[in-house]
Amino acid sequence: MPMKELIHAIAVELVDHPEQVEVTEIPGEQNTVIELRVAEDDVGKVIGKEGRTAQSMRTILTAVSTKLGRRAHLDIVD
């Protein structure tokens, strides 16, 4: 659960419509997929220029998941 809460906390601070931020955690045997949904107007803010913001979120998620002994992947869903 800490990975889901981390991504939610980051996304809420980036967007104009924080009430529309939805984070879903889909556990697997070895991998966990974190799906991030935001308002249509906020997708660009979450992805960032050349995908830098999204890549930074993925880097943080990888560090946390490694510490927890799991693998996690972030999907930004339209």
N, C-alpha and C. Protein backbone atom coordinates (compact mmCIF):
# COMPACT_ATOMS: atom_id res chain seq x y z
N MET A 1 0.78 -1.22 0.00
CA MET A 1 0.00 0.00 0.00
C MET A 1 0.83 1.28 0.00
N PRO A 2 2.03 1.30 0.54
CA PRO A 2 2.76 2.57 0.55
C PRO A 2 3.07 3.09 -0.85
N MET A 3 3.21 2.20 -1.82
CA MET A 3 3.52 2.65 -3.19
C MET A 3 2.33 3.39 -3.77
N LYS A 4 1.14 2.89 -3.55
CA LYS A 4 -0.09 3.52 -4.04
C LYS A 4 -0.25 4.90 -3.42
N GLU A 5 -0.04 4.99 -2.12
CA GLU A 5 -0.19 6.26 -1.41
C GLU A 5 0.87 7.27 -1.84
N LEU A 6 2.07 6.80 -2.13
CA LEU A 6 3.15 7.68 -2.58
C LEU A 6 2.80 8.31 -3.92
N ILE A 7 2.38 7.51 -4.88
CA ILE A 7 2.03 8.02 -6.20
C ILE A 7 0.84 8.97 -6.10
N HIS A 8 -0.13 8.65 -5.26
CA HIS A 8 -1.28 9.54 -5.08
C HIS A 8 -0.83 10.89 -4.52
N ALA A 9 0.03 10.88 -3.52
CA ALA A 9 0.50 12.13 -2.91
C ALA A 9 1.25 12.99 -3.91
N ILE A 10 2.06 12.38 -4.74
CA ILE A 10 2.82 13.13 -5.75
C ILE A 10 1.87 13.72 -6.80
N ALA A 11 0.96 12.89 -7.31
CA ALA A 11 0.05 13.32 -8.36
C ALA A 11 -0.87 14.45 -7.92
N VAL A 12 -1.36 14.38 -6.68
CA VAL A 12 -2.27 15.41 -6.17
C VAL A 12 -1.60 16.78 -6.18
N GLU A 13 -0.31 16.80 -5.90
CA GLU A 13 0.41 18.08 -5.87
C GLU A 13 0.71 18.62 -7.27
N LEU A 14 0.67 17.78 -8.29
CA LEU A 14 1.01 18.20 -9.65
C LEU A 14 -0.17 18.74 -10.45
N VAL A 15 -1.37 18.31 -10.13
CA VAL A 15 -2.53 18.58 -10.99
C VAL A 15 -3.39 19.74 -10.50
N ASP A 16 -4.26 20.23 -11.41
CA ASP A 16 -5.20 21.29 -11.06
C ASP A 16 -6.48 20.75 -10.45
N HIS A 17 -6.79 19.47 -10.72
CA HIS A 17 -8.02 18.85 -10.22
C HIS A 17 -7.65 17.65 -9.34
N PRO A 18 -7.17 17.89 -8.12
CA PRO A 18 -6.72 16.78 -7.26
C PRO A 18 -7.83 15.81 -6.87
N GLU A 19 -9.07 16.26 -6.90
CA GLU A 19 -10.18 15.37 -6.53
C GLU A 19 -10.41 14.29 -7.58
N GLN A 20 -9.85 14.45 -8.77
CA GLN A 20 -10.03 13.46 -9.84
C GLN A 20 -8.86 12.50 -9.96
N VAL A 21 -7.91 12.57 -9.05
CA VAL A 21 -6.77 11.65 -9.08
C VAL A 21 -7.21 10.30 -8.52
N GLU A 22 -6.99 9.25 -9.31
CA GLU A 22 -7.31 7.89 -8.88
C GLU A 22 -6.08 7.03 -9.07
N VAL A 23 -5.72 6.30 -8.05
CA VAL A 23 -4.58 5.39 -8.12
C VAL A 23 -5.07 3.99 -7.77
N THR A 24 -4.78 3.05 -8.66
CA THR A 24 -5.20 1.67 -8.46
C THR A 24 -3.95 0.79 -8.42
N GLU A 25 -3.90 -0.09 -7.45
CA GLU A 25 -2.76 -1.01 -7.32
C GLU A 25 -3.24 -2.41 -7.73
N ILE A 26 -2.57 -2.97 -8.73
CA ILE A 26 -2.92 -4.30 -9.23
C ILE A 26 -1.76 -5.23 -8.90
N PRO A 27 -1.89 -6.01 -7.83
CA PRO A 27 -0.78 -6.89 -7.44
C PRO A 27 -0.70 -8.12 -8.34
N GLY A 28 0.52 -8.53 -8.57
CA GLY A 28 0.78 -9.76 -9.31
C GLY A 28 1.67 -10.65 -8.47
N GLU A 29 2.13 -11.74 -9.05
CA GLU A 29 3.00 -12.65 -8.29
C GLU A 29 4.32 -11.99 -7.94
N GLN A 30 4.95 -11.36 -8.94
CA GLN A 30 6.24 -10.71 -8.69
C GLN A 30 6.19 -9.22 -8.95
N ASN A 31 5.30 -8.79 -9.81
CA ASN A 31 5.20 -7.38 -10.19
C ASN A 31 3.89 -6.79 -9.69
N THR A 32 3.94 -5.51 -9.37
CA THR A 32 2.75 -4.76 -9.02
C THR A 32 2.61 -3.64 -10.04
N VAL A 33 1.42 -3.47 -10.58
CA VAL A 33 1.16 -2.39 -11.52
C VAL A 33 0.38 -1.31 -10.78
N ILE A 34 0.87 -0.09 -10.85
CA ILE A 34 0.19 1.05 -10.28
C ILE A 34 -0.39 1.85 -11.44
N GLU A 35 -1.72 1.96 -11.48
CA GLU A 35 -2.38 2.73 -12.53
C GLU A 35 -2.77 4.09 -11.97
N LEU A 36 -2.39 5.14 -12.70
CA LEU A 36 -2.68 6.51 -12.30
C LEU A 36 -3.65 7.11 -13.31
N ARG A 37 -4.78 7.58 -12.82
CA ARG A 37 -5.75 8.26 -13.67
C ARG A 37 -5.94 9.68 -13.14
N VAL A 38 -5.89 10.65 -14.06
CA VAL A 38 -6.09 12.05 -13.70
C VAL A 38 -7.07 12.65 -14.69
N ALA A 39 -7.52 13.87 -14.42
CA ALA A 39 -8.42 14.57 -15.34
C ALA A 39 -7.72 14.75 -16.68
N GLU A 40 -8.51 14.79 -17.73
CA GLU A 40 -7.96 14.90 -19.09
C GLU A 40 -7.05 16.12 -19.23
N ASP A 41 -7.41 17.21 -18.60
CA ASP A 41 -6.59 18.44 -18.67
C ASP A 41 -5.26 18.30 -17.95
N ASP A 42 -5.16 17.37 -17.03
CA ASP A 42 -3.97 17.24 -16.18
C ASP A 42 -2.98 16.18 -16.65
N VAL A 43 -3.30 15.45 -17.71
CA VAL A 43 -2.41 14.38 -18.16
C VAL A 43 -1.03 14.93 -18.52
N GLY A 44 -0.99 16.06 -19.19
CA GLY A 44 0.28 16.66 -19.57
C GLY A 44 1.12 17.07 -18.38
N LYS A 45 0.48 17.49 -17.32
CA LYS A 45 1.21 17.90 -16.12
C LYS A 45 1.84 16.71 -15.42
N VAL A 46 1.16 15.57 -15.47
CA VAL A 46 1.68 14.37 -14.83
C VAL A 46 2.82 13.76 -15.68
N ILE A 47 2.71 13.88 -16.99
CA ILE A 47 3.75 13.33 -17.86
C ILE A 47 4.95 14.27 -17.91
N GLY A 48 4.71 15.56 -18.03
CA GLY A 48 5.79 16.54 -18.04
C GLY A 48 6.46 16.66 -19.41
N LYS A 49 7.33 17.62 -19.52
CA LYS A 49 8.05 17.83 -20.78
C LYS A 49 8.94 16.64 -21.08
N GLU A 50 8.76 16.10 -22.27
CA GLU A 50 9.52 14.93 -22.73
C GLU A 50 9.41 13.75 -21.77
N GLY A 51 8.34 13.71 -20.97
CA GLY A 51 8.11 12.60 -20.06
C GLY A 51 8.97 12.61 -18.82
N ARG A 52 9.58 13.74 -18.52
CA ARG A 52 10.51 13.80 -17.38
C ARG A 52 9.81 13.62 -16.04
N THR A 53 8.64 14.20 -15.87
CA THR A 53 7.92 14.06 -14.60
C THR A 53 7.50 12.61 -14.38
N ALA A 54 6.96 11.99 -15.43
CA ALA A 54 6.55 10.59 -15.33
C ALA A 54 7.76 9.70 -15.04
N GLN A 55 8.88 9.98 -15.69
CA GLN A 55 10.08 9.18 -15.46
C GLN A 55 10.59 9.36 -14.03
N SER A 56 10.49 10.56 -13.50
CA SER A 56 10.90 10.79 -12.11
C SER A 56 10.01 10.02 -11.14
N MET A 57 8.71 10.01 -11.41
CA MET A 57 7.79 9.25 -10.56
C MET A 57 8.12 7.76 -10.63
N ARG A 58 8.45 7.28 -11.82
CA ARG A 58 8.81 5.86 -11.97
C ARG A 58 10.11 5.53 -11.24
N THR A 59 11.06 6.46 -11.25
CA THR A 59 12.32 6.24 -10.54
C THR A 59 12.08 6.14 -9.03
N ILE A 60 11.26 7.04 -8.50
CA ILE A 60 10.94 7.00 -7.08
C ILE A 60 10.21 5.71 -6.73
N LEU A 61 9.26 5.32 -7.58
CA LEU A 61 8.50 4.09 -7.36
C LEU A 61 9.42 2.87 -7.38
N THR A 62 10.37 2.85 -8.28
CA THR A 62 11.33 1.74 -8.36
C THR A 62 12.15 1.66 -7.08
N ALA A 63 12.60 2.80 -6.58
CA ALA A 63 13.40 2.81 -5.36
C ALA A 63 12.60 2.28 -4.17
N VAL A 64 11.37 2.72 -4.04
CA VAL A 64 10.52 2.27 -2.93
C VAL A 64 10.20 0.79 -3.06
N SER A 65 9.85 0.36 -4.26
CA SER A 65 9.48 -1.05 -4.44
C SER A 65 10.67 -1.97 -4.22
N THR A 66 11.85 -1.54 -4.60
CA THR A 66 13.05 -2.34 -4.36
C THR A 66 13.29 -2.49 -2.87
N LYS A 67 13.11 -1.41 -2.13
CA LYS A 67 13.29 -1.46 -0.68
C LYS A 67 12.28 -2.43 -0.03
N LEU A 68 11.08 -2.52 -0.62
CA LEU A 68 10.05 -3.42 -0.11
C LEU A 68 10.19 -4.85 -0.64
N GLY A 69 11.17 -5.06 -1.52
CA GLY A 69 11.40 -6.40 -2.06
C GLY A 69 10.42 -6.79 -3.15
N ARG A 70 9.85 -5.82 -3.83
CA ARG A 70 8.90 -6.08 -4.91
C ARG A 70 9.33 -5.31 -6.15
N ARG A 71 8.66 -5.56 -7.25
CA ARG A 71 8.87 -4.77 -8.46
C ARG A 71 7.55 -4.07 -8.76
N ALA A 72 7.64 -2.84 -9.19
CA ALA A 72 6.43 -2.07 -9.48
C ALA A 72 6.61 -1.31 -10.77
N HIS A 73 5.50 -1.13 -11.46
CA HIS A 73 5.48 -0.41 -12.73
C HIS A 73 4.35 0.61 -12.70
N LEU A 74 4.62 1.82 -13.16
CA LEU A 74 3.61 2.88 -13.17
C LEU A 74 3.04 3.03 -14.56
N ASP A 75 1.71 2.94 -14.67
CA ASP A 75 1.00 3.21 -15.92
C ASP A 75 0.14 4.44 -15.72
N ILE A 76 0.28 5.40 -16.64
CA ILE A 76 -0.56 6.59 -16.61
C ILE A 76 -1.66 6.34 -17.64
N VAL A 77 -2.89 6.19 -17.15
CA VAL A 77 -4.02 5.79 -17.99
C VAL A 77 -4.76 7.03 -18.45
N ASP A 78 -5.07 7.08 -19.73
CA ASP A 78 -5.83 8.22 -20.29
C ASP A 78 -7.27 8.15 -19.88
